[in-house]
Amino acid sequence: MGDVSAAPTGARPAISGTTRLFAVLGDPVAQVRAPALLNGLFARTGRDAVLVPVQARAADLPAVARGLMRAGNLDGLLVTVPHKAAMLALADEVSPAAALSGTTNVLRRTAHGSWHADNFDGAGFLRGLTAAGRPPAGLRVLLAGAGGAGSAIAVALLRAGAAALTVCDPDRARREALAARLAGHWPGRVRTAPPAGPGAPLAADLAVNATPLGMRPADPLPFDPAGLPPHAVVADIVMKPARTRLLARAAALGLGVQPGAPMLDHQLDLYRDYFDLNHLVGERGDHSADDADDPLLAR
């Protein structure tokens, strides 16, 4: 794991005509933590590069993304809500992990000028969960949200040996489409359900909120943790606020909790590999990336 604490606080990268550009696309973008992490990484490795947030409405995304991708000095894109599925369609090449989840949260320009898409949300979530002493092997998992992050997390949890996965999403078509993609690889381990009402019993050892619910104070809970067994762990991928209403409610009930920040923090090494940032500038002459590598599946 990269030393996130070493990222400069308050320091801004120097921008010049040679600076390489990266952007994170989303709507909204006020909550994104990627600029602080990646700009700190650029500074520590001596890269003349900067990552900036770009807000794009869903209707404007194709025009905004294609315009950015045509910029000759743009080397990479990060993607956040609600664009992770839509951006996959704009990629020229797709990793197996991104194809299986149907979403992407990171794209890079290859040496040939094409755009390669991958998704590290699942790997980051799994690493954070495991680092906290909560490996998912053998667990029954309730996953709220079949969108971009939820799809990637579903793949990672099943690959890590989760015994059963229940995908809950109010959009029936979306949850069924995800289940259909997963069932071919993990038959008999995936089922779907609409969101459960307050107080409904939830037969899960791990319950994950992979929806944006919790970003705003007035948001309803994605599920009622009171319905979980007393040994269950509740995980939330919302990063701002760090302690969501869901986590506060789960903690008050005596359940284990897993906050959202580790999911991104544990993606930093994957970004290092994907954008080939493992060496300080000047340590070696060749920083070209191997487009055949799939960092998510290789780890």
Protein backbone atom coordinates (compact mmCIF):
# COMPACT_ATOMS: atom_id res chain seq x y z
CA MET A 1 0.00 0.00 0.00
CA GLY A 2 1.30 3.43 -0.87
CA ASP A 3 2.06 5.89 1.90
CA VAL A 4 -1.08 7.98 1.72
CA SER A 5 -0.04 9.94 4.79
CA ALA A 6 2.98 11.23 2.88
CA ALA A 7 0.83 13.18 0.44
CA PRO A 8 1.49 16.91 0.74
CA THR A 9 -1.19 18.82 2.64
CA GLY A 10 -2.06 22.11 1.02
CA ALA A 11 0.73 21.89 -1.57
CA ARG A 12 -0.33 22.36 -5.20
CA PRO A 13 1.60 20.91 -8.14
CA ALA A 14 3.42 23.33 -10.42
CA ILE A 15 1.66 23.50 -13.80
CA SER A 16 3.56 24.16 -17.00
CA GLY A 17 3.25 23.52 -20.71
CA THR A 18 4.78 20.07 -20.27
CA THR A 19 2.38 18.91 -17.54
CA ARG A 20 0.51 15.68 -18.32
CA LEU A 21 -3.18 15.69 -17.47
CA PHE A 22 -5.46 13.25 -15.65
CA ALA A 23 -9.10 13.87 -14.76
CA VAL A 24 -11.76 12.31 -12.55
CA LEU A 25 -15.24 12.40 -14.08
CA GLY A 26 -18.39 12.46 -11.98
CA ASP A 27 -21.57 14.29 -11.00
CA PRO A 28 -21.15 15.54 -8.34
CA VAL A 29 -17.38 15.77 -7.80
CA ALA A 30 -17.15 17.78 -4.56
CA GLN A 31 -16.78 14.54 -2.57
CA VAL A 32 -13.96 12.95 -4.59
CA ARG A 33 -10.71 12.12 -2.75
CA ALA A 34 -8.76 10.97 -5.81
CA PRO A 35 -7.10 14.36 -6.54
CA ALA A 36 -5.45 14.43 -3.10
CA LEU A 37 -4.21 10.85 -3.41
CA LEU A 38 -3.03 10.90 -7.02
CA ASN A 39 -1.48 14.38 -6.93
CA GLY A 40 0.44 13.30 -3.83
CA LEU A 41 1.61 10.22 -5.71
CA PHE A 42 2.70 12.31 -8.71
CA ALA A 43 4.68 14.59 -6.38
CA ARG A 44 6.43 11.70 -4.62
CA THR A 45 7.44 10.03 -7.89
CA GLY A 46 8.53 13.29 -9.53
CA ARG A 47 5.88 13.16 -12.28
CA ASP A 48 5.05 16.38 -14.11
CA ALA A 49 1.34 15.55 -13.95
CA VAL A 50 -1.86 16.71 -12.29
CA LEU A 51 -5.30 15.18 -11.66
CA VAL A 52 -8.30 17.53 -11.69
CA PRO A 53 -12.02 16.91 -11.03
CA VAL A 54 -14.40 17.37 -13.97
CA GLN A 55 -18.13 17.56 -13.35
CA ALA A 56 -20.19 16.19 -16.24
CA ARG A 57 -23.94 15.63 -16.32
CA ALA A 58 -25.04 12.28 -17.69
CA ALA A 59 -26.46 13.89 -20.83
CA ASP A 60 -23.14 15.65 -21.47
CA LEU A 61 -20.84 12.75 -20.61
CA PRO A 62 -20.13 11.45 -24.15
CA ALA A 63 -19.21 14.92 -25.41
CA VAL A 64 -17.13 15.78 -22.34
CA ALA A 65 -15.33 12.43 -22.20
CA ARG A 66 -14.62 12.23 -25.94
CA GLY A 67 -13.33 15.81 -25.90
CA LEU A 68 -10.96 15.03 -23.05
CA MET A 69 -9.82 11.79 -24.66
CA ARG A 70 -8.85 13.69 -27.81
CA ALA A 71 -6.55 16.01 -25.83
CA GLY A 72 -3.01 15.00 -26.69
CA ASN A 73 -1.64 15.54 -23.19
CA LEU A 74 -4.38 13.64 -21.31
CA ASP A 75 -3.03 10.27 -20.14
CA GLY A 76 -5.76 8.91 -17.88
CA LEU A 77 -9.29 9.18 -16.56
CA LEU A 78 -10.80 8.14 -13.26
CA VAL A 79 -14.56 7.66 -13.12
CA THR A 80 -17.01 8.04 -10.24
CA VAL A 81 -20.80 8.11 -9.84
CA PRO A 82 -22.89 7.98 -11.94
CA HIS A 83 -20.73 7.33 -15.01
CA LYS A 84 -19.00 3.98 -14.41
CA ALA A 85 -21.23 1.97 -16.74
CA ALA A 86 -21.55 4.63 -19.45
CA MET A 87 -17.77 5.17 -19.67
CA LEU A 88 -17.16 1.49 -20.44
CA ALA A 89 -18.84 1.97 -23.81
CA LEU A 90 -16.30 4.68 -24.70
CA ALA A 91 -13.26 2.43 -24.19
CA ASP A 92 -11.43 0.74 -27.06
CA GLU A 93 -10.10 -2.11 -24.90
CA VAL A 94 -11.65 -3.59 -21.73
CA SER A 95 -10.05 -5.72 -19.01
CA PRO A 96 -11.75 -8.98 -17.99
CA ALA A 97 -12.70 -7.47 -14.62
CA ALA A 98 -14.33 -4.43 -16.21
CA ALA A 99 -16.15 -6.59 -18.75
CA LEU A 100 -17.55 -8.89 -16.05
CA SER A 101 -18.73 -6.02 -13.85
CA GLY A 102 -19.98 -4.03 -16.85
CA THR A 103 -18.33 -0.91 -15.43
CA THR A 104 -15.05 1.00 -15.30
CA ASN A 105 -13.52 3.40 -12.80
CA VAL A 106 -10.20 3.99 -14.56
CA LEU A 107 -9.01 4.38 -18.15
CA ARG A 108 -5.56 4.97 -19.61
CA ARG A 109 -4.23 5.98 -23.00
CA THR A 110 -2.12 3.15 -24.42
CA ALA A 111 1.13 3.53 -26.35
CA HIS A 112 -0.93 3.10 -29.53
CA GLY A 113 -3.32 5.93 -28.68
CA SER A 114 -6.32 3.74 -27.83
CA TRP A 115 -8.12 3.81 -24.47
CA HIS A 116 -8.03 0.84 -22.08
CA ALA A 117 -10.60 0.47 -19.28
CA ASP A 118 -10.34 -1.38 -15.97
CA ASN A 119 -12.14 -1.35 -12.63
CA PHE A 120 -10.36 -1.33 -9.26
CA ASP A 121 -13.36 -0.66 -7.00
CA GLY A 122 -13.78 -4.33 -6.20
CA ALA A 123 -10.11 -4.97 -5.53
CA GLY A 124 -9.86 -1.85 -3.35
CA PHE A 125 -12.93 -2.83 -1.34
CA LEU A 126 -11.67 -6.38 -0.88
CA ARG A 127 -8.21 -5.24 0.22
CA GLY A 128 -9.68 -2.81 2.74
CA LEU A 129 -12.01 -5.46 4.13
CA THR A 130 -9.22 -8.04 4.40
CA ALA A 131 -6.81 -5.55 5.99
CA ALA A 132 -9.43 -4.95 8.69
CA GLY A 133 -9.43 -8.68 9.47
CA ARG A 134 -12.72 -9.41 7.67
CA PRO A 135 -12.02 -11.70 4.69
CA PRO A 136 -15.30 -12.56 2.92
CA ALA A 137 -14.59 -16.24 2.18
CA GLY A 138 -17.52 -18.38 3.26
CA LEU A 139 -19.75 -15.42 4.17
CA ARG A 140 -23.33 -14.67 3.14
CA VAL A 141 -23.29 -11.18 1.64
CA LEU A 142 -26.09 -8.68 1.15
CA LEU A 143 -25.11 -6.09 -1.47
CA ALA A 144 -27.25 -2.96 -1.78
CA GLY A 145 -26.64 -1.42 -5.19
CA ALA A 146 -26.06 -2.99 -8.61
CA GLY A 147 -24.50 0.11 -10.15
CA GLY A 148 -20.87 0.78 -11.04
CA ALA A 149 -19.17 0.21 -7.70
CA GLY A 150 -21.65 -2.46 -6.61
CA SER A 151 -21.03 -4.54 -9.73
CA ALA A 152 -17.26 -4.44 -9.25
CA ILE A 153 -17.58 -5.30 -5.55
CA ALA A 154 -19.85 -8.23 -6.39
CA VAL A 155 -17.21 -9.68 -8.70
CA ALA A 156 -14.43 -9.24 -6.13
CA LEU A 157 -16.43 -10.81 -3.28
CA LEU A 158 -17.36 -13.86 -5.34
CA ARG A 159 -13.80 -14.29 -6.57
CA ALA A 160 -12.68 -14.13 -2.94
CA GLY A 161 -14.97 -17.02 -1.99
CA ALA A 162 -18.15 -15.43 -0.63
CA ALA A 163 -20.56 -18.33 -0.13
CA ALA A 164 -23.69 -16.48 -1.28
CA LEU A 165 -24.46 -13.04 -2.64
CA THR A 166 -27.85 -11.33 -2.61
CA VAL A 167 -28.00 -8.27 -4.87
CA CYS A 168 -30.62 -5.70 -3.86
CA ASP A 169 -31.47 -2.77 -6.11
CA PRO A 170 -34.77 -0.95 -6.79
CA ASP A 171 -34.04 -1.20 -10.52
CA ARG A 172 -35.09 -4.77 -11.31
CA ALA A 173 -33.55 -4.80 -14.77
CA ARG A 174 -30.20 -3.65 -13.43
CA ARG A 175 -30.00 -6.17 -10.60
CA GLU A 176 -31.11 -9.03 -12.85
CA ALA A 177 -28.58 -8.07 -15.54
CA LEU A 178 -25.77 -8.14 -12.98
CA ALA A 179 -26.92 -11.48 -11.59
CA ALA A 180 -27.04 -12.94 -15.09
CA ARG A 181 -23.43 -11.88 -15.77
CA LEU A 182 -22.26 -13.37 -12.48
CA ALA A 183 -24.25 -16.61 -12.62
CA GLY A 184 -22.23 -17.98 -15.52
CA HIS A 185 -19.07 -17.80 -13.43
CA TRP A 186 -20.49 -18.58 -9.98
CA PRO A 187 -23.61 -20.73 -10.52
CA GLY A 188 -25.92 -21.12 -7.56
CA ARG A 189 -24.23 -18.42 -5.46
CA VAL A 190 -26.09 -15.31 -6.66
CA ARG A 191 -29.68 -14.26 -6.07
CA THR A 192 -31.53 -10.94 -6.35
CA ALA A 193 -34.16 -9.15 -4.31
CA PRO A 194 -35.77 -5.72 -4.12
CA PRO A 195 -34.66 -3.55 -1.18
CA ALA A 196 -36.09 -4.83 2.11
CA GLY A 197 -38.35 -2.64 4.24
CA PRO A 198 -37.56 -1.34 7.74
CA GLY A 199 -37.22 -4.10 10.31
CA ALA A 200 -37.10 -6.92 7.74
CA PRO A 201 -34.82 -9.81 8.75
CA LEU A 202 -31.60 -9.90 6.71
CA ALA A 203 -29.80 -13.24 6.59
CA ALA A 204 -26.27 -11.97 5.95
CA ASP A 205 -22.89 -12.02 7.64
CA LEU A 206 -21.73 -8.98 5.67
CA ALA A 207 -24.03 -6.20 4.43
CA VAL A 208 -22.59 -3.66 1.98
CA ASN A 209 -24.01 -0.31 0.92
CA ALA A 210 -22.74 0.28 -2.62
CA THR A 211 -25.27 3.04 -3.36
CA PRO A 212 -24.84 6.82 -3.02
CA LEU A 213 -27.38 6.82 -0.16
CA GLY A 214 -25.74 8.46 2.80
CA MET A 215 -23.95 11.26 0.98
CA ARG A 216 -26.74 13.66 1.96
CA PRO A 217 -28.11 14.04 5.51
CA ALA A 218 -31.71 13.49 4.37
CA ASP A 219 -30.97 10.23 2.54
CA PRO A 220 -32.87 7.16 3.75
CA LEU A 221 -30.91 4.13 4.91
CA PRO A 222 -30.15 1.67 2.06
CA PHE A 223 -31.20 -1.14 4.42
CA ASP A 224 -32.11 -1.46 8.09
CA PRO A 225 -29.15 -2.95 10.00
CA ALA A 226 -31.51 -3.90 12.84
CA GLY A 227 -32.53 -6.89 10.73
CA LEU A 228 -29.00 -8.34 10.67
CA PRO A 229 -27.71 -11.04 13.03
CA PRO A 230 -25.56 -9.75 15.94
CA HIS A 231 -22.28 -11.01 14.44
CA ALA A 232 -22.76 -9.19 11.12
CA VAL A 233 -20.51 -6.48 9.68
CA VAL A 234 -21.91 -3.44 7.87
CA ALA A 235 -19.74 -1.82 5.19
CA ASP A 236 -20.44 1.49 3.48
CA ILE A 237 -18.54 2.75 0.42
CA VAL A 238 -19.71 6.37 0.90
CA MET A 239 -16.57 8.33 1.82
CA LYS A 240 -18.03 11.70 2.72
CA PRO A 241 -19.22 11.82 5.43
CA ALA A 242 -16.78 9.26 6.84
CA ARG A 243 -19.36 8.11 9.41
CA THR A 244 -22.64 7.75 7.58
CA ARG A 245 -26.02 7.33 9.24
CA LEU A 246 -25.89 3.67 8.26
CA LEU A 247 -22.57 3.10 10.02
CA ALA A 248 -23.66 5.07 13.07
CA ARG A 249 -26.87 3.04 13.32
CA ALA A 250 -24.98 -0.26 12.88
CA ALA A 251 -22.42 0.68 15.52
CA ALA A 252 -25.18 1.64 17.94
CA LEU A 253 -26.61 -1.86 17.48
CA GLY A 254 -23.24 -3.39 18.32
CA LEU A 255 -22.48 -4.53 14.78
CA GLY A 256 -19.04 -4.35 13.20
CA VAL A 257 -18.57 -1.49 10.73
CA GLN A 258 -16.30 -0.87 7.75
CA PRO A 259 -16.08 2.75 6.43
CA GLY A 260 -15.67 3.77 2.81
CA ALA A 261 -12.22 5.40 2.79
CA PRO A 262 -10.16 2.16 2.76
CA MET A 263 -11.71 1.17 -0.58
CA LEU A 264 -10.00 4.09 -2.27
CA ASP A 265 -6.85 4.06 -0.15
CA HIS A 266 -6.20 0.44 -1.11
CA GLN A 267 -6.53 1.25 -4.81
CA LEU A 268 -3.43 3.43 -4.77
CA ASP A 269 -1.05 0.55 -5.52
CA LEU A 270 -3.30 -0.51 -8.41
CA TYR A 271 -3.13 3.01 -9.84
CA ARG A 272 0.66 2.90 -9.45
CA ASP A 273 0.82 -0.22 -11.60
CA TYR A 274 -1.82 0.82 -14.09
CA PHE A 275 -0.25 4.21 -14.81
CA ASP A 276 3.30 2.84 -14.29
CA LEU A 277 4.15 5.16 -11.40
CA ASN A 278 6.21 2.70 -9.36
CA HIS A 279 9.57 4.35 -10.06
CA LEU A 280 10.90 7.79 -9.36
CA VAL A 281 11.55 9.79 -12.52
CA GLY A 282 15.13 9.11 -13.60
CA GLU A 283 15.38 5.64 -12.03
CA ARG A 284 14.84 3.99 -15.40
CA GLY A 285 14.34 5.20 -18.92
CA ASP A 286 11.32 3.18 -19.95
CA HIS A 287 7.99 3.88 -18.26
CA SER A 288 5.83 2.25 -20.93
CA ALA A 289 2.97 0.08 -19.64
CA ASP A 290 2.16 -3.42 -20.86
CA ASP A 291 -1.40 -3.21 -22.10
CA ALA A 292 -1.82 -6.97 -21.74
CA ASP A 293 -1.45 -6.75 -17.95
CA ASP A 294 -4.60 -6.92 -15.84
CA PRO A 295 -3.52 -5.64 -12.39
CA LEU A 296 -6.86 -6.55 -10.80
CA LEU A 297 -6.81 -10.17 -11.89
CA ALA A 298 -3.08 -10.62 -11.36
CA ARG A 299 -3.30 -9.86 -7.63
